[in-house]
Amino acid sequence: MATVSPQTSSIDSANVPWSDFVRFVRQLSHDLRNHLNAVELQSAYLEEVTTDDEVKSEIRRLRQMMSELSAVLQKLSANVAQPKPNVISYGAAEFIEDIRRKLANIFPKEEPAVEWDVQLQDTNLQIDPQLVQEALLELFGNAFRHQLSGQSLKASARVDRDSLLFTLREPKEHFDLSTERWGSEPLRRVTQGHYALGLNRVRAIVQSHGGQFNAQYDPTSGVLATTIALPVSGA
C-alpha cells in the first residue's frame, strides 16, 4: 500500500477551491447568525420580565454585542461573495459627490484630511452605485486605518479616453509589499478584525463592472497610488 507523508497530506488538504471556501463561509455565517437570533429573542424576553434596572442595562449591552457580532458575520459573508451588479446610468460627478457625502457621515474626523481634485463634466457611468460606493468606501477606510499622523490623502477623479479614473494617493514612510497582485491575495495578511478580504472585494466589484484595479508605489515620493478605472457610458 502506498504511503503518504504527513507533509504531502497537509499540502493536499489545503487545496480547497475558492468557491467551496465561499460556500463554507456563507453557510457558517448563516448558521451562527441563526444562533445569535435565538439568543437575541431570549435576551429580549429576559429584559421584559426582569424588574431590576441594572440587570436590564446589562441585558441591553449584551444585545448590542450580539448585534455587532451578527453584523461582522454578515459583512464577512458579503466580502467573499461574487458581486452581481444591477447597473444603471449614473452621472459620474453626482456619484463622486455622493461618495464625499458618505465619507463625511461615516468618517467625520478623517474626511477633512482628504484633498480632492475632481475634473468631471457631463459623463455617465453604467454602474451599480451601491456596489461601487462600497468599493470606494473600503479603499478610504483602509487608507484611514493606515494613515500617517498629520498627513493628507489625495483623491482625484477624471475621465481619460473611455474610462473614469479614480485615484487615491497615500503617503507611506515604509512600504515593502508587492503591488503586482494587489487585491488578489485574500487571507494573506490576517490581523484582529481584518482578514485581507477588503481589497479583494474591491477588485471583484471593479472587475464585475468591466473595470480595472491596480496600485503602484513610488519610493521616491513615498506615495502609494491606488487606481480604479471604470468604463464610461458608450465606451
C-alpha atoms as a PDB file:
ATOM      1  CA  MET A   1       0.000   0.000   0.000  1.00  0.00           C
ATOM      2  CA  ALA A   2       1.331   3.429  -0.922  1.00  0.00           C
ATOM      3  CA  THR A   3       2.104   5.707   1.970  1.00  0.00           C
ATOM      4  CA  VAL A   4       1.504   9.441   2.052  1.00  0.00           C
ATOM      5  CA  SER A   5       3.904  11.585   4.015  1.00  0.00           C
ATOM      6  CA  PRO A   6       2.337  13.953   6.597  1.00  0.00           C
ATOM      7  CA  GLN A   7       3.780  16.914   4.681  1.00  0.00           C
ATOM      8  CA  THR A   8       2.165  15.877   1.383  1.00  0.00           C
ATOM      9  CA  SER A   9      -1.141  15.136   3.114  1.00  0.00           C
ATOM     10  CA  SER A  10      -1.097  18.582   4.748  1.00  0.00           C
ATOM     11  CA  ILE A  11      -0.442  20.312   1.423  1.00  0.00           C
ATOM     12  CA  ASP A  12      -3.186  18.385  -0.379  1.00  0.00           C
ATOM     13  CA  SER A  13      -5.732  19.091   2.350  1.00  0.00           C
ATOM     14  CA  ALA A  14      -5.145  22.832   1.926  1.00  0.00           C
ATOM     15  CA  ASN A  15      -6.028  22.865  -1.772  1.00  0.00           C
ATOM     16  CA  VAL A  16      -9.637  23.891  -1.329  1.00  0.00           C
ATOM     17  CA  PRO A  17     -11.276  25.673  -4.305  1.00  0.00           C
ATOM     18  CA  TRP A  18     -12.232  29.260  -3.546  1.00  0.00           C
ATOM     19  CA  SER A  19     -15.856  28.541  -4.486  1.00  0.00           C
ATOM     20  CA  ASP A  20     -16.010  25.818  -1.805  1.00  0.00           C
ATOM     21  CA  PHE A  21     -14.454  28.154   0.748  1.00  0.00           C
ATOM     22  CA  VAL A  22     -17.003  30.856  -0.088  1.00  0.00           C
ATOM     23  CA  ARG A  23     -19.876  28.397   0.273  1.00  0.00           C
ATOM     24  CA  PHE A  24     -18.497  27.257   3.639  1.00  0.00           C
ATOM     25  CA  VAL A  25     -18.094  30.810   4.978  1.00  0.00           C
ATOM     26  CA  ARG A  26     -21.571  31.859   3.897  1.00  0.00           C
ATOM     27  CA  GLN A  27     -23.195  28.752   5.384  1.00  0.00           C
ATOM     28  CA  LEU A  28     -21.248  29.070   8.633  1.00  0.00           C
ATOM     29  CA  SER A  29     -22.161  32.756   8.881  1.00  0.00           C
ATOM     30  CA  HIS A  30     -25.812  31.923   8.269  1.00  0.00           C
ATOM     31  CA  ASP A  31     -25.817  29.189  10.928  1.00  0.00           C
ATOM     32  CA  LEU A  32     -24.106  31.352  13.540  1.00  0.00           C
ATOM     33  CA  ARG A  33     -26.473  34.253  12.905  1.00  0.00           C
ATOM     34  CA  ASN A  34     -29.405  31.885  13.422  1.00  0.00           C
ATOM     35  CA  HIS A  35     -27.998  31.026  16.861  1.00  0.00           C
ATOM     36  CA  LEU A  36     -27.449  34.705  17.619  1.00  0.00           C
ATOM     37  CA  ASN A  37     -31.042  35.460  16.643  1.00  0.00           C
ATOM     38  CA  ALA A  38     -32.241  32.797  19.088  1.00  0.00           C
ATOM     39  CA  VAL A  39     -30.102  34.301  21.867  1.00  0.00           C
ATOM     40  CA  GLU A  40     -31.415  37.762  20.955  1.00  0.00           C
ATOM     41  CA  LEU A  41     -35.022  36.584  21.347  1.00  0.00           C
ATOM     42  CA  GLN A  42     -34.240  35.027  24.709  1.00  0.00           C
ATOM     43  CA  SER A  43     -32.458  38.192  25.839  1.00  0.00           C
ATOM     44  CA  ALA A  44     -35.406  40.332  24.792  1.00  0.00           C
ATOM     45  CA  TYR A  45     -37.696  38.112  26.864  1.00  0.00           C
ATOM     46  CA  LEU A  46     -35.411  38.371  29.898  1.00  0.00           C
ATOM     47  CA  GLU A  47     -35.346  42.142  29.579  1.00  0.00           C
ATOM     48  CA  GLU A  48     -39.134  42.215  29.619  1.00  0.00           C
ATOM     49  CA  VAL A  49     -39.595  40.016  32.670  1.00  0.00           C
ATOM     50  CA  THR A  50     -36.874  41.477  34.913  1.00  0.00           C
ATOM     51  CA  THR A  51     -37.605  44.474  37.102  1.00  0.00           C
ATOM     52  CA  ASP A  52     -34.017  45.200  38.090  1.00  0.00           C
ATOM     53  CA  ASP A  53     -32.767  48.288  36.231  1.00  0.00           C
ATOM     54  CA  GLU A  54     -29.136  47.201  36.484  1.00  0.00           C
ATOM     55  CA  VAL A  55     -29.952  43.804  35.012  1.00  0.00           C
ATOM     56  CA  LYS A  56     -31.933  45.479  32.226  1.00  0.00           C
ATOM     57  CA  SER A  57     -28.924  47.642  31.417  1.00  0.00           C
ATOM     58  CA  GLU A  58     -26.594  44.641  31.229  1.00  0.00           C
ATOM     59  CA  ILE A  59     -29.039  42.762  29.001  1.00  0.00           C
ATOM     60  CA  ARG A  60     -29.189  45.725  26.619  1.00  0.00           C
ATOM     61  CA  ARG A  61     -25.379  45.736  26.454  1.00  0.00           C
ATOM     62  CA  LEU A  62     -25.425  42.015  25.725  1.00  0.00           C
ATOM     63  CA  ARG A  63     -27.954  42.512  22.925  1.00  0.00           C
ATOM     64  CA  GLN A  64     -25.799  45.271  21.442  1.00  0.00           C
ATOM     65  CA  MET A  65     -22.752  42.989  21.459  1.00  0.00           C
ATOM     66  CA  MET A  66     -24.719  40.250  19.687  1.00  0.00           C
ATOM     67  CA  SER A  67     -25.957  42.740  17.116  1.00  0.00           C
ATOM     68  CA  GLU A  68     -22.392  43.842  16.381  1.00  0.00           C
ATOM     69  CA  LEU A  69     -21.217  40.244  16.044  1.00  0.00           C
ATOM     70  CA  SER A  70     -24.085  39.479  13.674  1.00  0.00           C
ATOM     71  CA  ALA A  71     -23.078  42.492  11.547  1.00  0.00           C
ATOM     72  CA  VAL A  72     -19.481  41.233  11.407  1.00  0.00           C
ATOM     73  CA  LEU A  73     -20.631  37.820  10.209  1.00  0.00           C
ATOM     74  CA  GLN A  74     -22.922  39.386   7.616  1.00  0.00           C
ATOM     75  CA  LYS A  75     -20.085  41.553   6.288  1.00  0.00           C
ATOM     76  CA  LEU A  76     -17.728  38.575   6.167  1.00  0.00           C
ATOM     77  CA  SER A  77     -20.264  36.623   4.148  1.00  0.00           C
ATOM     78  CA  ALA A  78     -20.728  39.552   1.741  1.00  0.00           C
ATOM     79  CA  ASN A  79     -16.978  40.089   1.353  1.00  0.00           C
ATOM     80  CA  VAL A  80     -16.363  36.612  -0.045  1.00  0.00           C
ATOM     81  CA  ALA A  81     -19.414  36.554  -2.341  1.00  0.00           C
ATOM     82  CA  GLN A  82     -19.172  37.203  -6.072  1.00  0.00           C
ATOM     83  CA  PRO A  83     -20.658  40.659  -6.833  1.00  0.00           C
ATOM     84  CA  LYS A  84     -23.685  40.694  -9.104  1.00  0.00           C
ATOM     85  CA  PRO A  85     -24.137  44.299 -10.271  1.00  0.00           C
ATOM     86  CA  ASN A  86     -27.538  45.734 -11.083  1.00  0.00           C
ATOM     87  CA  VAL A  87     -26.300  48.518 -13.342  1.00  0.00           C
ATOM     88  CA  ILE A  88     -27.998  51.811 -14.082  1.00  0.00           C
ATOM     89  CA  SER A  89     -26.880  55.009 -15.790  1.00  0.00           C
ATOM     90  CA  TYR A  90     -25.376  57.350 -13.189  1.00  0.00           C
ATOM     91  CA  GLY A  91     -23.716  60.721 -13.557  1.00  0.00           C
ATOM     92  CA  ALA A  92     -20.018  60.490 -12.699  1.00  0.00           C
ATOM     93  CA  ALA A  93     -19.877  63.884 -10.968  1.00  0.00           C
ATOM     94  CA  GLU A  94     -23.007  63.088  -8.977  1.00  0.00           C
ATOM     95  CA  PHE A  95     -21.552  59.741  -7.938  1.00  0.00           C
ATOM     96  CA  ILE A  96     -18.328  61.305  -6.651  1.00  0.00           C
ATOM     97  CA  GLU A  97     -20.354  63.874  -4.738  1.00  0.00           C
ATOM     98  CA  ASP A  98     -22.321  61.013  -3.161  1.00  0.00           C
ATOM     99  CA  ILE A  99     -19.029  59.459  -2.062  1.00  0.00           C
ATOM    100  CA  ARG A 100     -17.899  62.709  -0.467  1.00  0.00           C
ATOM    101  CA  ARG A 101     -21.136  62.995   1.499  1.00  0.00           C
ATOM    102  CA  LYS A 102     -20.871  59.388   2.653  1.00  0.00           C
ATOM    103  CA  LEU A 103     -17.294  59.922   3.791  1.00  0.00           C
ATOM    104  CA  ALA A 104     -18.304  62.938   5.848  1.00  0.00           C
ATOM    105  CA  ASN A 105     -21.029  60.872   7.547  1.00  0.00           C
ATOM    106  CA  ILE A 106     -19.051  57.688   8.158  1.00  0.00           C
ATOM    107  CA  PHE A 107     -15.603  59.196   8.821  1.00  0.00           C
ATOM    108  CA  PRO A 108     -16.319  62.697  10.181  1.00  0.00           C
ATOM    109  CA  LYS A 109     -12.904  63.010  11.856  1.00  0.00           C
ATOM    110  CA  GLU A 110     -10.815  61.652   8.966  1.00  0.00           C
ATOM    111  CA  GLU A 111     -12.663  63.115   5.961  1.00  0.00           C
ATOM    112  CA  PRO A 112     -11.315  66.699   6.330  1.00  0.00           C
ATOM    113  CA  ALA A 113      -7.807  65.319   5.667  1.00  0.00           C
ATOM    114  CA  VAL A 114      -8.797  64.266   2.130  1.00  0.00           C
ATOM    115  CA  GLU A 115      -7.750  66.655  -0.632  1.00  0.00           C
ATOM    116  CA  TRP A 116      -9.976  66.328  -3.695  1.00  0.00           C
ATOM    117  CA  ASP A 117      -9.216  67.009  -7.364  1.00  0.00           C
ATOM    118  CA  VAL A 118     -12.352  66.324  -9.393  1.00  0.00           C
ATOM    119  CA  GLN A 119     -12.388  67.082 -13.114  1.00  0.00           C
ATOM    120  CA  LEU A 120     -15.605  65.618 -14.433  1.00  0.00           C
ATOM    121  CA  GLN A 121     -18.109  67.038 -16.880  1.00  0.00           C
ATOM    122  CA  ASP A 122     -21.241  65.517 -18.379  1.00  0.00           C
ATOM    123  CA  THR A 123     -20.074  61.918 -18.114  1.00  0.00           C
ATOM    124  CA  ASN A 124     -22.267  58.969 -17.265  1.00  0.00           C
ATOM    125  CA  LEU A 125     -21.323  55.590 -15.848  1.00  0.00           C
ATOM    126  CA  GLN A 126     -23.119  52.277 -16.187  1.00  0.00           C
ATOM    127  CA  ILE A 127     -22.702  51.012 -12.624  1.00  0.00           C
ATOM    128  CA  ASP A 128     -24.372  49.555  -9.606  1.00  0.00           C
ATOM    129  CA  PRO A 129     -23.995  52.669  -7.396  1.00  0.00           C
ATOM    130  CA  GLN A 130     -24.287  50.748  -4.145  1.00  0.00           C
ATOM    131  CA  LEU A 131     -21.557  48.258  -5.058  1.00  0.00           C
ATOM    132  CA  VAL A 132     -19.098  50.813  -6.455  1.00  0.00           C
ATOM    133  CA  GLN A 133     -19.748  53.065  -3.474  1.00  0.00           C
ATOM    134  CA  GLU A 134     -18.923  50.105  -1.228  1.00  0.00           C
ATOM    135  CA  ALA A 135     -15.633  49.618  -3.104  1.00  0.00           C
ATOM    136  CA  LEU A 136     -14.527  53.244  -2.767  1.00  0.00           C
ATOM    137  CA  LEU A 137     -15.522  53.475   0.892  1.00  0.00           C
ATOM    138  CA  GLU A 138     -13.482  50.329   1.557  1.00  0.00           C
ATOM    139  CA  LEU A 139     -10.455  51.990  -0.055  1.00  0.00           C
ATOM    140  CA  PHE A 140     -10.871  55.085   2.098  1.00  0.00           C
ATOM    141  CA  GLY A 141     -11.474  53.051   5.257  1.00  0.00           C
ATOM    142  CA  ASN A 142      -8.335  51.026   4.611  1.00  0.00           C
ATOM    143  CA  ALA A 143      -6.334  54.206   3.953  1.00  0.00           C
ATOM    144  CA  PHE A 144      -7.631  55.882   7.125  1.00  0.00           C
ATOM    145  CA  ARG A 145      -6.593  52.869   9.229  1.00  0.00           C
ATOM    146  CA  HIS A 146      -3.013  53.194   7.971  1.00  0.00           C
ATOM    147  CA  GLN A 147      -2.898  56.974   7.634  1.00  0.00           C
ATOM    148  CA  LEU A 148       0.219  58.723   8.868  1.00  0.00           C
ATOM    149  CA  SER A 149      -0.415  61.296  11.580  1.00  0.00           C
ATOM    150  CA  GLY A 150      -0.714  64.794  10.158  1.00  0.00           C
ATOM    151  CA  GLN A 151      -0.628  63.598   6.541  1.00  0.00           C
ATOM    152  CA  SER A 152      -3.356  64.130   3.945  1.00  0.00           C
ATOM    153  CA  LEU A 153      -4.821  61.728   1.430  1.00  0.00           C
ATOM    154  CA  LYS A 154      -5.274  62.924  -2.144  1.00  0.00           C
ATOM    155  CA  ALA A 155      -8.252  61.725  -4.158  1.00  0.00           C
ATOM    156  CA  SER A 156      -8.703  62.517  -7.832  1.00  0.00           C
ATOM    157  CA  ALA A 157     -11.379  61.696 -10.395  1.00  0.00           C
ATOM    158  CA  ARG A 158     -11.121  62.394 -14.106  1.00  0.00           C
ATOM    159  CA  VAL A 159     -12.017  60.923 -17.481  1.00  0.00           C
ATOM    160  CA  ASP A 160      -9.208  59.557 -19.632  1.00  0.00           C
ATOM    161  CA  ARG A 161     -10.422  58.472 -23.070  1.00  0.00           C
ATOM    162  CA  ASP A 162     -13.088  55.824 -22.403  1.00  0.00           C
ATOM    163  CA  SER A 163     -12.596  55.408 -18.653  1.00  0.00           C
ATOM    164  CA  LEU A 164     -13.243  57.233 -15.437  1.00  0.00           C
ATOM    165  CA  LEU A 165     -10.081  57.094 -13.339  1.00  0.00           C
ATOM    166  CA  PHE A 166     -10.380  57.371  -9.582  1.00  0.00           C
ATOM    167  CA  THR A 167      -7.028  57.510  -7.786  1.00  0.00           C
ATOM    168  CA  LEU A 168      -6.329  57.593  -4.077  1.00  0.00           C
ATOM    169  CA  ARG A 169      -2.798  58.604  -3.047  1.00  0.00           C
ATOM    170  CA  GLU A 170      -1.488  57.734   0.420  1.00  0.00           C
ATOM    171  CA  PRO A 171       1.831  58.868   1.936  1.00  0.00           C
ATOM    172  CA  LYS A 172       3.850  55.872   3.166  1.00  0.00           C
ATOM    173  CA  GLU A 173       7.052  56.108   5.185  1.00  0.00           C
ATOM    174  CA  HIS A 174       7.716  52.383   4.850  1.00  0.00           C
ATOM    175  CA  PHE A 175       6.110  50.138   2.267  1.00  0.00           C
ATOM    176  CA  ASP A 176       7.525  46.689   1.498  1.00  0.00           C
ATOM    177  CA  LEU A 177       4.510  44.989  -0.081  1.00  0.00           C
ATOM    178  CA  SER A 178       4.304  43.927  -3.702  1.00  0.00           C
ATOM    179  CA  THR A 179       1.581  45.644  -5.741  1.00  0.00           C
ATOM    180  CA  GLU A 180       1.782  43.159  -8.611  1.00  0.00           C
ATOM    181  CA  ARG A 181      -1.250  41.171  -7.413  1.00  0.00           C
ATOM    182  CA  TRP A 182      -2.899  43.986  -5.462  1.00  0.00           C
ATOM    183  CA  GLY A 183      -6.276  42.872  -4.158  1.00  0.00           C
ATOM    184  CA  SER A 184      -5.816  39.329  -5.500  1.00  0.00           C
ATOM    185  CA  GLU A 185      -4.465  37.626  -2.381  1.00  0.00           C
ATOM    186  CA  PRO A 186      -7.275  37.280   0.169  1.00  0.00           C
ATOM    187  CA  LEU A 187      -6.399  35.980   3.633  1.00  0.00           C
ATOM    188  CA  ARG A 188      -2.692  36.655   3.069  1.00  0.00           C
ATOM    189  CA  ARG A 189      -2.274  39.125   5.970  1.00  0.00           C
ATOM    190  CA  VAL A 190      -4.746  38.412   8.775  1.00  0.00           C
ATOM    191  CA  THR A 191      -4.929  40.599  11.882  1.00  0.00           C
ATOM    192  CA  GLN A 192      -7.526  41.039  14.608  1.00  0.00           C
ATOM    193  CA  GLY A 193     -10.785  42.089  12.980  1.00  0.00           C
ATOM    194  CA  HIS A 194      -9.245  42.229   9.488  1.00  0.00           C
ATOM    195  CA  TYR A 195      -8.879  39.280   7.126  1.00  0.00           C
ATOM    196  CA  ALA A 196      -7.364  40.744   3.954  1.00  0.00           C
ATOM    197  CA  LEU A 197     -10.724  40.497   2.216  1.00  0.00           C
ATOM    198  CA  GLY A 198     -11.474  44.191   1.692  1.00  0.00           C
ATOM    199  CA  LEU A 199      -9.181  44.847  -1.274  1.00  0.00           C
ATOM    200  CA  ASN A 200     -10.152  41.506  -2.791  1.00  0.00           C
ATOM    201  CA  ARG A 201     -13.779  42.630  -2.571  1.00  0.00           C
ATOM    202  CA  VAL A 202     -12.885  45.958  -4.214  1.00  0.00           C
ATOM    203  CA  ARG A 203     -11.147  44.161  -7.082  1.00  0.00           C
ATOM    204  CA  ALA A 204     -14.109  41.811  -7.560  1.00  0.00           C
ATOM    205  CA  ILE A 205     -16.592  44.711  -7.663  1.00  0.00           C
ATOM    206  CA  VAL A 206     -14.499  46.690 -10.147  1.00  0.00           C
ATOM    207  CA  GLN A 207     -13.940  43.713 -12.436  1.00  0.00           C
ATOM    208  CA  SER A 208     -17.641  42.816 -12.342  1.00  0.00           C
ATOM    209  CA  HIS A 209     -18.212  46.256 -13.949  1.00  0.00           C
ATOM    210  CA  GLY A 210     -15.634  45.624 -16.665  1.00  0.00           C
ATOM    211  CA  GLY A 211     -13.112  47.868 -14.924  1.00  0.00           C
ATOM    212  CA  GLN A 212      -9.540  47.580 -13.678  1.00  0.00           C
ATOM    213  CA  PHE A 213      -7.978  47.858 -10.241  1.00  0.00           C
ATOM    214  CA  ASN A 214      -4.294  48.353  -9.543  1.00  0.00           C
ATOM    215  CA  ALA A 215      -1.794  50.055  -7.263  1.00  0.00           C
ATOM    216  CA  GLN A 216       1.713  51.453  -7.627  1.00  0.00           C
ATOM    217  CA  TYR A 217       4.203  52.593  -5.021  1.00  0.00           C
ATOM    218  CA  ASP A 218       6.694  55.350  -5.774  1.00  0.00           C
ATOM    219  CA  PRO A 219       9.638  55.006  -3.365  1.00  0.00           C
ATOM    220  CA  THR A 220      10.967  58.437  -4.355  1.00  0.00           C
ATOM    221  CA  SER A 221       7.878  60.353  -3.263  1.00  0.00           C
ATOM    222  CA  GLY A 222       6.808  57.727  -0.716  1.00  0.00           C
ATOM    223  CA  VAL A 223       3.288  57.575  -2.125  1.00  0.00           C
ATOM    224  CA  LEU A 224       1.050  54.574  -2.737  1.00  0.00           C
ATOM    225  CA  ALA A 225      -1.389  55.320  -5.583  1.00  0.00           C
ATOM    226  CA  THR A 226      -4.424  53.049  -5.898  1.00  0.00           C
ATOM    227  CA  THR A 227      -6.460  53.443  -9.093  1.00  0.00           C
ATOM    228  CA  ILE A 228      -9.891  52.254 -10.138  1.00  0.00           C
ATOM    229  CA  ALA A 229     -10.753  52.501 -13.828  1.00  0.00           C
ATOM    230  CA  LEU A 230     -14.420  52.217 -14.836  1.00  0.00           C
ATOM    231  CA  PRO A 231     -15.709  52.416 -18.418  1.00  0.00           C
ATOM    232  CA  VAL A 232     -17.890  55.425 -19.166  1.00  0.00           C
ATOM    233  CA  SER A 233     -21.208  55.089 -20.955  1.00  0.00           C
ATOM    234  CA  GLY A 234     -20.903  54.388 -24.655  1.00  0.00           C
ATOM    235  CA  ALA A 235     -17.306  53.210 -24.381  1.00  0.00           C
END
